[in-house]
PDB file of N, CA and C in Angstrom:
ATOM      1  N   MET A   1       0.732  -1.249  -0.001  1.00  0.00           N
ATOM      2  CA  MET A   1      -0.254   0.336  -0.050  1.00  0.00           C
ATOM      3  C   MET A   1       0.724   1.032  -0.249  1.00  0.00           C
ATOM      4  N   SER A   2       0.611   2.112  -0.779  1.00  0.00           N
ATOM      5  CA  SER A   2       1.693   3.676  -0.853  1.00  0.00           C
ATOM      6  C   SER A   2       1.225   4.172   0.607  1.00  0.00           C
ATOM      7  N   SER A   3       2.356   5.078   1.039  1.00  0.00           N
ATOM      8  CA  SER A   3       2.332   5.675   2.108  1.00  0.00           C
ATOM      9  C   SER A   3       1.262   6.640   1.884  1.00  0.00           C
ATOM     10  N   THR A   4       0.891   7.191   1.044  1.00  0.00           N
ATOM     11  CA  THR A   4      -0.164   8.633   0.991  1.00  0.00           C
ATOM     12  C   THR A   4      -1.534   7.977   0.701  1.00  0.00           C
ATOM     13  N   LYS A   5      -1.981   6.721   0.724  1.00  0.00           N
ATOM     14  CA  LYS A   5      -3.106   6.038   0.643  1.00  0.00           C
ATOM     15  C   LYS A   5      -3.735   5.709   2.308  1.00  0.00           C
ATOM     16  N   ARG A   6      -4.790   5.557   2.452  1.00  0.00           N
ATOM     17  CA  ARG A   6      -5.433   5.291   3.629  1.00  0.00           C
ATOM     18  C   ARG A   6      -5.473   4.069   3.463  1.00  0.00           C
ATOM     19  N   THR A   7      -5.743   3.138   4.482  1.00  0.00           N
ATOM     20  CA  THR A   7      -6.453   1.989   4.488  1.00  0.00           C
ATOM     21  C   THR A   7      -7.879   1.716   4.357  1.00  0.00           C
ATOM     22  N   SER A   8      -8.844   1.216   3.408  1.00  0.00           N
ATOM     23  CA  SER A   8     -10.066   1.324   3.647  1.00  0.00           C
ATOM     24  C   SER A   8     -10.835   0.928   4.675  1.00  0.00           C
ATOM     25  N   GLU A   9     -11.840   1.462   4.745  1.00  0.00           N
ATOM     26  CA  GLU A   9     -12.682   0.648   6.006  1.00  0.00           C
ATOM     27  C   GLU A   9     -12.983  -0.836   5.593  1.00  0.00           C
ATOM     28  N   ALA A  10     -13.084  -1.125   4.082  1.00  0.00           N
ATOM     29  CA  ALA A  10     -13.352  -2.515   3.635  1.00  0.00           C
ATOM     30  C   ALA A  10     -11.901  -3.502   3.997  1.00  0.00           C
ATOM     31  N   GLU A  11     -10.680  -2.917   3.500  1.00  0.00           N
ATOM     32  CA  GLU A  11      -9.449  -3.376   4.051  1.00  0.00           C
ATOM     33  C   GLU A  11      -9.400  -3.918   5.225  1.00  0.00           C
ATOM     34  N   ILE A  12      -9.878  -2.819   6.132  1.00  0.00           N
ATOM     35  CA  ILE A  12      -9.772  -3.199   7.837  1.00  0.00           C
ATOM     36  C   ILE A  12     -11.019  -4.392   8.208  1.00  0.00           C
ATOM     37  N   SER A  13     -12.010  -4.234   7.063  1.00  0.00           N
ATOM     38  CA  SER A  13     -13.037  -5.291   7.425  1.00  0.00           C
ATOM     39  C   SER A  13     -12.774  -6.459   7.381  1.00  0.00           C
ATOM     40  N   GLN A  14     -11.898  -6.570   6.282  1.00  0.00           N
ATOM     41  CA  GLN A  14     -11.257  -7.901   5.963  1.00  0.00           C
ATOM     42  C   GLN A  14     -10.426  -8.525   6.675  1.00  0.00           C
ATOM     43  N   VAL A  15      -9.328  -7.529   7.243  1.00  0.00           N
ATOM     44  CA  VAL A  15      -8.365  -8.028   8.187  1.00  0.00           C
ATOM     45  C   VAL A  15      -9.370  -8.672   9.825  1.00  0.00           C
ATOM     46  N   VAL A  16     -10.197  -7.617   9.766  1.00  0.00           N
ATOM     47  CA  VAL A  16     -11.210  -8.185  11.238  1.00  0.00           C
ATOM     48  C   VAL A  16     -11.863  -9.845  11.253  1.00  0.00           C
ATOM     49  N   ILE A  17     -12.445 -10.097  10.158  1.00  0.00           N
ATOM     50  CA  ILE A  17     -13.061 -11.404   9.946  1.00  0.00           C
ATOM     51  C   ILE A  17     -11.827 -12.302   9.815  1.00  0.00           C
ATOM     52  N   LYS A  18     -10.966 -12.368   9.514  1.00  0.00           N
ATOM     53  CA  LYS A  18      -9.818 -12.768   9.674  1.00  0.00           C
ATOM     54  C   LYS A  18      -9.386 -13.058  11.181  1.00  0.00           C
ATOM     55  N   ILE A  19      -9.082 -11.933  11.770  1.00  0.00           N
ATOM     56  CA  ILE A  19      -8.668 -12.108  13.067  1.00  0.00           C
ATOM     57  C   ILE A  19      -9.978 -12.787  14.030  1.00  0.00           C
ATOM     58  N   LEU A  20     -11.214 -12.488  13.593  1.00  0.00           N
ATOM     59  CA  LEU A  20     -12.376 -12.977  14.435  1.00  0.00           C
ATOM     60  C   LEU A  20     -12.248 -14.650  14.191  1.00  0.00           C
ATOM     61  N   ALA A  21     -12.281 -14.877  12.763  1.00  0.00           N
ATOM     62  CA  ALA A  21     -12.543 -16.043  12.720  1.00  0.00           C
ATOM     63  C   ALA A  21     -11.732 -17.121  13.525  1.00  0.00           C
ATOM     64  N   GLY A  22     -10.421 -16.310  14.045  1.00  0.00           N
ATOM     65  CA  GLY A  22      -9.383 -17.449  15.044  1.00  0.00           C
ATOM     66  C   GLY A  22      -9.424 -17.204  16.451  1.00  0.00           C
ATOM     67  N   GLU A  23     -10.554 -16.497  16.655  1.00  0.00           N
ATOM     68  CA  GLU A  23     -10.845 -15.922  18.175  1.00  0.00           C
ATOM     69  C   GLU A  23     -12.026 -16.836  18.619  1.00  0.00           C
ATOM     70  N   PRO A  24     -11.700 -16.958  20.056  1.00  0.00           N
ATOM     71  CA  PRO A  24     -12.905 -17.985  20.728  1.00  0.00           C
ATOM     72  C   PRO A  24     -14.106 -17.209  20.630  1.00  0.00           C
ATOM     73  N   ASN A  25     -15.107 -18.145  20.339  1.00  0.00           N
ATOM     74  CA  ASN A  25     -16.579 -17.590  20.108  1.00  0.00           C
ATOM     75  C   ASN A  25     -16.556 -16.698  19.240  1.00  0.00           C
ATOM     76  N   GLY A  26     -15.529 -16.273  18.346  1.00  0.00           N
ATOM     77  CA  GLY A  26     -15.687 -15.594  16.993  1.00  0.00           C
ATOM     78  C   GLY A  26     -16.055 -14.027  17.298  1.00  0.00           C
ATOM     79  N   GLU A  27     -15.401 -13.769  18.700  1.00  0.00           N
ATOM     80  CA  GLU A  27     -15.779 -12.222  18.983  1.00  0.00           C
ATOM     81  C   GLU A  27     -14.342 -11.789  19.646  1.00  0.00           C
ATOM     82  N   ALA A  28     -14.367 -10.270  19.414  1.00  0.00           N
ATOM     83  CA  ALA A  28     -13.607  -9.714  20.245  1.00  0.00           C
ATOM     84  C   ALA A  28     -13.954  -8.305  20.425  1.00  0.00           C
ATOM     85  N   ASN A  29     -13.434  -7.308  21.536  1.00  0.00           N
ATOM     86  CA  ASN A  29     -13.661  -6.206  21.771  1.00  0.00           C
ATOM     87  C   ASN A  29     -12.985  -5.378  21.208  1.00  0.00           C
ATOM     88  N   PHE A  30     -13.130  -4.055  21.323  1.00  0.00           N
ATOM     89  CA  PHE A  30     -12.446  -3.430  19.928  1.00  0.00           C
ATOM     90  C   PHE A  30     -10.842  -3.149  20.174  1.00  0.00           C
ATOM     91  N   ALA A  31     -10.652  -3.046  21.817  1.00  0.00           N
ATOM     92  CA  ALA A  31      -9.236  -2.990  22.245  1.00  0.00           C
ATOM     93  C   ALA A  31      -8.471  -4.381  21.889  1.00  0.00           C
ATOM     94  N   ARG A  32      -8.881  -5.281  21.589  1.00  0.00           N
ATOM     95  CA  ARG A  32      -8.050  -6.444  21.563  1.00  0.00           C
ATOM     96  C   ARG A  32      -8.335  -6.337  20.026  1.00  0.00           C
ATOM     97  N   LEU A  33      -9.113  -6.115  18.826  1.00  0.00           N
ATOM     98  CA  LEU A  33      -9.193  -5.414  17.344  1.00  0.00           C
ATOM     99  C   LEU A  33      -7.980  -4.626  17.087  1.00  0.00           C
ATOM    100  N   LEU A  34      -8.118  -3.394  17.766  1.00  0.00           N
ATOM    101  CA  LEU A  34      -7.124  -2.121  17.832  1.00  0.00           C
ATOM    102  C   LEU A  34      -5.821  -2.729  18.063  1.00  0.00           C
ATOM    103  N   TYR A  35      -5.347  -3.760  18.917  1.00  0.00           N
ATOM    104  CA  TYR A  35      -4.159  -4.432  19.403  1.00  0.00           C
ATOM    105  C   TYR A  35      -3.733  -5.210  18.342  1.00  0.00           C
ATOM    106  N   LEU A  36      -4.738  -6.079  17.656  1.00  0.00           N
ATOM    107  CA  LEU A  36      -4.233  -6.893  16.742  1.00  0.00           C
ATOM    108  C   LEU A  36      -4.301  -6.321  14.990  1.00  0.00           C
ATOM    109  N   ILE A  37      -4.769  -5.657  14.908  1.00  0.00           N
ATOM    110  CA  ILE A  37      -4.649  -5.455  13.234  1.00  0.00           C
ATOM    111  C   ILE A  37      -3.289  -5.256  12.991  1.00  0.00           C
ATOM    112  N   PRO A  38      -2.815  -4.172  13.686  1.00  0.00           N
ATOM    113  CA  PRO A  38      -1.498  -3.917  13.165  1.00  0.00           C
ATOM    114  C   PRO A  38      -0.657  -4.768  13.029  1.00  0.00           C
ATOM    115  N   LYS A  39      -0.771  -6.187  13.438  1.00  0.00           N
ATOM    116  CA  LYS A  39      -0.083  -7.242  13.431  1.00  0.00           C
ATOM    117  C   LYS A  39      -0.567  -7.912  11.785  1.00  0.00           C
ATOM    118  N   TYR A  40      -1.267  -7.691  11.426  1.00  0.00           N
ATOM    119  CA  TYR A  40      -1.889  -8.380  10.271  1.00  0.00           C
ATOM    120  C   TYR A  40      -1.588  -7.368   8.920  1.00  0.00           C
ATOM    121  N   ILE A  41      -1.613  -6.096   8.993  1.00  0.00           N
ATOM    122  CA  ILE A  41      -1.654  -5.102   8.195  1.00  0.00           C
ATOM    123  C   ILE A  41      -0.559  -4.021   8.302  1.00  0.00           C
ATOM    124  N   THR A  42      -0.008  -3.493   7.411  1.00  0.00           N
ATOM    125  CA  THR A  42       1.018  -2.383   7.480  1.00  0.00           C
ATOM    126  C   THR A  42       0.154  -1.040   7.304  1.00  0.00           C
ATOM    127  N   LEU A  43      -0.088  -0.189   8.462  1.00  0.00           N
ATOM    128  CA  LEU A  43      -0.456   0.862   8.379  1.00  0.00           C
ATOM    129  C   LEU A  43       0.186   1.802   7.776  1.00  0.00           C
ATOM    130  N   THR A  44      -0.357   2.851   7.226  1.00  0.00           N
ATOM    131  CA  THR A  44       0.404   3.969   6.615  1.00  0.00           C
ATOM    132  C   THR A  44       0.251   5.199   7.429  1.00  0.00           C
ATOM    133  N   PRO A  45       1.201   6.334   6.722  1.00  0.00           N
ATOM    134  CA  PRO A  45       1.433   7.288   7.546  1.00  0.00           C
ATOM    135  C   PRO A  45       0.160   7.973   7.599  1.00  0.00           C
ATOM    136  N   VAL A  46      -0.669   7.896   6.407  1.00  0.00           N
ATOM    137  CA  VAL A  46      -1.729   8.937   6.470  1.00  0.00           C
ATOM    138  C   VAL A  46      -2.836   7.859   7.605  1.00  0.00           C
ATOM    139  N   ASP A  47      -2.842   6.665   7.734  1.00  0.00           N
ATOM    140  CA  ASP A  47      -3.808   5.961   8.817  1.00  0.00           C
ATOM    141  C   ASP A  47      -3.314   6.272  10.249  1.00  0.00           C
ATOM    142  N   LEU A  48      -2.349   6.338  10.272  1.00  0.00           N
ATOM    143  CA  LEU A  48      -1.794   6.909  11.370  1.00  0.00           C
ATOM    144  C   LEU A  48      -2.029   8.411  11.820  1.00  0.00           C
ATOM    145  N   LYS A  49      -2.249   9.200  11.247  1.00  0.00           N
ATOM    146  CA  LYS A  49      -2.513  10.762  11.662  1.00  0.00           C
ATOM    147  C   LYS A  49      -3.672  10.326  12.754  1.00  0.00           C
ATOM    148  N   MET A  50      -4.294  11.665  13.626  1.00  0.00           N
ATOM    149  CA  MET A  50      -4.994  11.690  14.538  1.00  0.00           C
ATOM    150  C   MET A  50      -5.948  11.909  13.772  1.00  0.00           C
ATOM    151  N   SER A  51      -7.103  11.582  14.462  1.00  0.00           N
ATOM    152  CA  SER A  51      -8.614  11.982  13.989  1.00  0.00           C
ATOM    153  C   SER A  51      -9.101  12.987  14.758  1.00  0.00           C
ATOM    154  N   LYS A  52      -9.762  13.912  13.583  1.00  0.00           N
ATOM    155  CA  LYS A  52     -10.185  15.271  13.905  1.00  0.00           C
ATOM    156  C   LYS A  52     -11.601  15.204  14.780  1.00  0.00           C
ATOM    157  N   LYS A  53     -12.061  14.179  14.332  1.00  0.00           N
ATOM    158  CA  LYS A  53     -13.510  13.679  14.978  1.00  0.00           C
ATOM    159  C   LYS A  53     -13.319  13.006  16.168  1.00  0.00           C
ATOM    160  N   ARG A  54     -12.700  12.010  16.382  1.00  0.00           N
ATOM    161  CA  ARG A  54     -12.502  11.069  17.635  1.00  0.00           C
ATOM    162  C   ARG A  54     -11.279  11.610  18.291  1.00  0.00           C
ATOM    163  N   LEU A  55     -11.078  12.297  19.307  1.00  0.00           N
ATOM    164  CA  LEU A  55      -9.868  12.806  20.208  1.00  0.00           C
ATOM    165  C   LEU A  55      -9.397  11.529  20.703  1.00  0.00           C
ATOM    166  N   GLY A  56      -7.924  11.475  20.559  1.00  0.00           N
ATOM    167  CA  GLY A  56      -7.177  10.523  20.831  1.00  0.00           C
ATOM    168  C   GLY A  56      -7.289   9.060  20.077  1.00  0.00           C
ATOM    169  N   GLU A  57      -7.909   9.079  18.927  1.00  0.00           N
ATOM    170  CA  GLU A  57      -8.000   7.959  18.272  1.00  0.00           C
ATOM    171  C   GLU A  57      -7.171   8.502  16.939  1.00  0.00           C
ATOM    172  N   SER A  58      -6.494   7.654  16.128  1.00  0.00           N
ATOM    173  CA  SER A  58      -5.758   7.553  14.969  1.00  0.00           C
ATOM    174  C   SER A  58      -6.797   7.406  13.764  1.00  0.00           C
ATOM    175  N   LEU A  59      -6.603   7.721  12.616  1.00  0.00           N
ATOM    176  CA  LEU A  59      -7.597   7.570  11.587  1.00  0.00           C
ATOM    177  C   LEU A  59      -7.988   6.193  11.726  1.00  0.00           C
ATOM    178  N   TRP A  60      -7.078   5.206  11.550  1.00  0.00           N
ATOM    179  CA  TRP A  60      -7.174   3.943  11.288  1.00  0.00           C
ATOM    180  C   TRP A  60      -8.108   3.502  12.158  1.00  0.00           C
ATOM    181  N   GLU A  61      -8.131   3.495  13.612  1.00  0.00           N
ATOM    182  CA  GLU A  61      -8.592   2.948  14.803  1.00  0.00           C
ATOM    183  C   GLU A  61     -10.299   3.679  14.701  1.00  0.00           C
ATOM    184  N   GLN A  62     -10.413   4.956  14.175  1.00  0.00           N
ATOM    185  CA  GLN A  62     -11.577   5.375  13.556  1.00  0.00           C
ATOM    186  C   GLN A  62     -12.335   4.326  12.850  1.00  0.00           C
ATOM    187  N   ARG A  63     -11.841   4.213  11.876  1.00  0.00           N
ATOM    188  CA  ARG A  63     -12.058   3.238  10.679  1.00  0.00           C
ATOM    189  C   ARG A  63     -12.614   1.793  11.143  1.00  0.00           C
ATOM    190  N   VAL A  64     -11.907   1.276  12.264  1.00  0.00           N
ATOM    191  CA  VAL A  64     -12.367   0.052  13.159  1.00  0.00           C
ATOM    192  C   VAL A  64     -13.885   0.466  13.483  1.00  0.00           C
ATOM    193  N   ARG A  65     -14.022   1.417  13.805  1.00  0.00           N
ATOM    194  CA  ARG A  65     -14.945   1.602  15.023  1.00  0.00           C
ATOM    195  C   ARG A  65     -16.189   2.159  14.059  1.00  0.00           C
ATOM    196  N   ASN A  66     -16.001   2.562  12.966  1.00  0.00           N
ATOM    197  CA  ASN A  66     -16.936   3.032  11.903  1.00  0.00           C
ATOM    198  C   ASN A  66     -17.581   1.812  11.582  1.00  0.00           C
ATOM    199  N   ILE A  67     -16.981   0.604  11.572  1.00  0.00           N
ATOM    200  CA  ILE A  67     -17.652  -0.648  10.910  1.00  0.00           C
ATOM    201  C   ILE A  67     -18.885  -1.104  11.685  1.00  0.00           C
ATOM    202  N   ARG A  68     -18.698  -0.495  12.799  1.00  0.00           N
ATOM    203  CA  ARG A  68     -20.055  -0.339  13.577  1.00  0.00           C
ATOM    204  C   ARG A  68     -21.278   0.472  13.181  1.00  0.00           C
ATOM    205  N   SER A  69     -20.543   2.052  13.155  1.00  0.00           N
ATOM    206  CA  SER A  69     -21.103   3.007  13.391  1.00  0.00           C
ATOM    207  C   SER A  69     -21.907   3.010  11.806  1.00  0.00           C
ATOM    208  N   HIS A  70     -21.371   2.606  10.830  1.00  0.00           N
ATOM    209  CA  HIS A  70     -22.034   2.458   9.346  1.00  0.00           C
ATOM    210  C   HIS A  70     -22.585   1.040   9.302  1.00  0.00           C
ATOM    211  N   ALA A  71     -22.956   0.445  10.082  1.00  0.00           N
ATOM    212  CA  ALA A  71     -23.581  -0.912   9.758  1.00  0.00           C
ATOM    213  C   ALA A  71     -24.601  -0.926   8.741  1.00  0.00           C
ATOM    214  N   LYS A  72     -25.520   0.114   8.931  1.00  0.00           N
ATOM    215  CA  LYS A  72     -26.549   0.251   7.603  1.00  0.00           C
ATOM    216  C   LYS A  72     -26.433   0.638   6.162  1.00  0.00           C
ATOM    217  N   SER A  73     -24.767   0.976   5.900  1.00  0.00           N
ATOM    218  CA  SER A  73     -24.086   1.302   4.601  1.00  0.00           C
ATOM    219  C   SER A  73     -24.095  -0.170   3.835  1.00  0.00           C
ATOM    220  N   PRO A  74     -24.844   0.172   2.701  1.00  0.00           N
ATOM    221  CA  PRO A  74     -24.812  -1.039   1.851  1.00  0.00           C
ATOM    222  C   PRO A  74     -23.227  -2.150   1.753  1.00  0.00           C
ATOM    223  N   ASN A  75     -22.168  -1.373   1.585  1.00  0.00           N
ATOM    224  CA  ASN A  75     -21.046  -2.236   1.680  1.00  0.00           C
ATOM    225  C   ASN A  75     -20.449  -2.518   2.753  1.00  0.00           C
ATOM    226  N   ASN A  76     -20.849  -2.387   3.943  1.00  0.00           N
ATOM    227  CA  ASN A  76     -20.491  -2.499   5.361  1.00  0.00           C
ATOM    228  C   ASN A  76     -20.510  -3.911   5.511  1.00  0.00           C
ATOM    229  N   TYR A  77     -19.580  -4.598   6.491  1.00  0.00           N
ATOM    230  CA  TYR A  77     -19.651  -5.990   6.439  1.00  0.00           C
ATOM    231  C   TYR A  77     -20.292  -6.269   7.637  1.00  0.00           C
ATOM    232  N   ILE A  78     -21.093  -5.471   8.488  1.00  0.00           N
ATOM    233  CA  ILE A  78     -22.272  -5.541   9.021  1.00  0.00           C
ATOM    234  C   ILE A  78     -23.554  -5.782   8.095  1.00  0.00           C
ATOM    235  N   SER A  79     -23.612  -4.859   7.525  1.00  0.00           N
ATOM    236  CA  SER A  79     -24.719  -4.763   6.699  1.00  0.00           C
ATOM    237  C   SER A  79     -24.572  -6.367   5.349  1.00  0.00           C
ATOM    238  N   LYS A  80     -23.599  -6.632   5.147  1.00  0.00           N
ATOM    239  CA  LYS A  80     -23.324  -7.774   4.308  1.00  0.00           C
ATOM    240  C   LYS A  80     -23.756  -9.208   4.984  1.00  0.00           C
ATOM    241  N   GLY A  81     -23.469  -8.926   6.534  1.00  0.00           N
ATOM    242  CA  GLY A  81     -23.958 -10.029   6.949  1.00  0.00           C
ATOM    243  C   GLY A  81     -22.989 -11.055   7.567  1.00  0.00           C
ATOM    244  N   TYR A  82     -21.456 -10.194   7.254  1.00  0.00           N
ATOM    245  CA  TYR A  82     -20.323 -11.057   8.050  1.00  0.00           C
ATOM    246  C   TYR A  82     -20.011 -11.066   9.211  1.00  0.00           C
ATOM    247  N   LEU A  83     -20.320  -9.659   9.814  1.00  0.00           N
ATOM    248  CA  LEU A  83     -20.142  -9.349  11.137  1.00  0.00           C
ATOM    249  C   LEU A  83     -21.595  -8.979  11.799  1.00  0.00           C
ATOM    250  N   VAL A  84     -21.639  -9.099  13.390  1.00  0.00           N
ATOM    251  CA  VAL A  84     -22.682  -8.603  14.165  1.00  0.00           C
ATOM    252  C   VAL A  84     -22.099  -7.564  14.991  1.00  0.00           C
ATOM    253  N   GLY A  85     -22.557  -6.546  15.846  1.00  0.00           N
ATOM    254  CA  GLY A  85     -22.255  -5.999  16.564  1.00  0.00           C
ATOM    255  C   GLY A  85     -22.576  -6.465  17.774  1.00  0.00           C
ATOM    256  N   ILE A  86     -22.023  -6.742  19.064  1.00  0.00           N
ATOM    257  CA  ILE A  86     -21.838  -7.019  20.506  1.00  0.00           C
ATOM    258  C   ILE A  86     -21.545  -6.028  21.512  1.00  0.00           C
ATOM    259  N   PRO A  87     -21.830  -5.808  22.605  1.00  0.00           N
ATOM    260  CA  PRO A  87     -21.369  -4.860  23.263  1.00  0.00           C
ATOM    261  C   PRO A  87     -19.611  -4.641  23.339  1.00  0.00           C
ATOM    262  N   GLY A  88     -19.387  -3.506  23.137  1.00  0.00           N
ATOM    263  CA  GLY A  88     -18.110  -3.077  22.792  1.00  0.00           C
ATOM    264  C   GLY A  88     -17.128  -3.771  21.762  1.00  0.00           C
ATOM    265  N   GLY A  89     -17.651  -4.587  21.043  1.00  0.00           N
ATOM    266  CA  GLY A  89     -16.969  -5.007  19.676  1.00  0.00           C
ATOM    267  C   GLY A  89     -17.955  -5.620  18.740  1.00  0.00           C
ATOM    268  N   LEU A  90     -17.028  -6.977  18.329  1.00  0.00           N
ATOM    269  CA  LEU A  90     -17.780  -7.429  16.839  1.00  0.00           C
ATOM    270  C   LEU A  90     -17.626  -9.194  17.509  1.00  0.00           C
ATOM    271  N   ARG A  91     -18.690  -9.641  16.361  1.00  0.00           N
ATOM    272  CA  ARG A  91     -18.537 -11.104  16.198  1.00  0.00           C
ATOM    273  C   ARG A  91     -18.773 -11.902  14.805  1.00  0.00           C
ATOM    274  N   ILE A  92     -18.045 -12.671  14.595  1.00  0.00           N
ATOM    275  CA  ILE A  92     -18.401 -12.810  13.104  1.00  0.00           C
ATOM    276  C   ILE A  92     -19.374 -13.668  12.753  1.00  0.00           C
ATOM    277  N   THR A  93     -20.077 -13.947  11.771  1.00  0.00           N
ATOM    278  CA  THR A  93     -21.323 -14.787  11.585  1.00  0.00           C
ATOM    279  C   THR A  93     -20.427 -16.041  10.814  1.00  0.00           C
ATOM    280  N   SER A  94     -21.499 -17.181  10.770  1.00  0.00           N
ATOM    281  CA  SER A  94     -21.255 -18.060   9.476  1.00  0.00           C
ATOM    282  C   SER A  94     -21.055 -17.651   8.374  1.00  0.00           C
ATOM    283  N   LEU A  95     -21.219 -16.759   7.778  1.00  0.00           N
ATOM    284  CA  LEU A  95     -21.248 -16.054   6.597  1.00  0.00           C
ATOM    285  C   LEU A  95     -19.809 -15.482   6.329  1.00  0.00           C
ATOM    286  N   GLY A  96     -19.657 -14.543   7.534  1.00  0.00           N
ATOM    287  CA  GLY A  96     -18.322 -14.405   7.485  1.00  0.00           C
ATOM    288  C   GLY A  96     -16.991 -15.069   7.675  1.00  0.00           C
ATOM    289  N   ILE A  97     -17.411 -16.134   8.426  1.00  0.00           N
ATOM    290  CA  ILE A  97     -16.233 -17.173   8.489  1.00  0.00           C
ATOM    291  C   ILE A  97     -15.933 -17.802   6.976  1.00  0.00           C
ATOM    292  N   LYS A  98     -17.157 -17.940   6.175  1.00  0.00           N
ATOM    293  CA  LYS A  98     -16.894 -18.521   4.811  1.00  0.00           C
ATOM    294  C   LYS A  98     -16.173 -17.244   4.191  1.00  0.00           C
ATOM    295  N   LYS A  99     -16.203 -15.978   4.367  1.00  0.00           N
ATOM    296  CA  LYS A  99     -15.780 -15.018   3.604  1.00  0.00           C
ATOM    297  C   LYS A  99     -14.495 -14.926   4.120  1.00  0.00           C
ATOM    298  N   ALA A 100     -13.933 -15.284   5.218  1.00  0.00           N
ATOM    299  CA  ALA A 100     -12.843 -15.234   5.706  1.00  0.00           C
ATOM    300  C   ALA A 100     -11.809 -16.144   5.425  1.00  0.00           C
ATOM    301  N   ALA A 101     -12.638 -17.257   4.784  1.00  0.00           N
ATOM    302  CA  ALA A 101     -11.601 -18.379   4.435  1.00  0.00           C
ATOM    303  C   ALA A 101     -11.251 -18.193   2.845  1.00  0.00           C
ATOM    304  N   SER A 102     -11.944 -17.527   2.194  1.00  0.00           N
ATOM    305  CA  SER A 102     -11.807 -17.093   0.753  1.00  0.00           C
ATOM    306  C   SER A 102     -10.781 -16.306   0.370  1.00  0.00           C
TER     307      SER A 102
END
């Protein structure tokens, strides 16, 4: 990925389902996801910039939380049935497990 580009919400969502596919009960809270995601992808300098909307969060962290807040968007992984929101985090669905394996 180019250092002038940002990692998209869809790219982050794909990493999330891969992580959750290996987690107990297929779920994790946001703190765990935020810890694990950088182990799966290289974040760009743009990703690492601080969010103007969420104080104390970088832009990539905001996009992880956007998976839940954008749940009704047509291309969102919750809307597509790959993930469900749980208190404080996300859980993978059976459809998401199939997607993670592809």
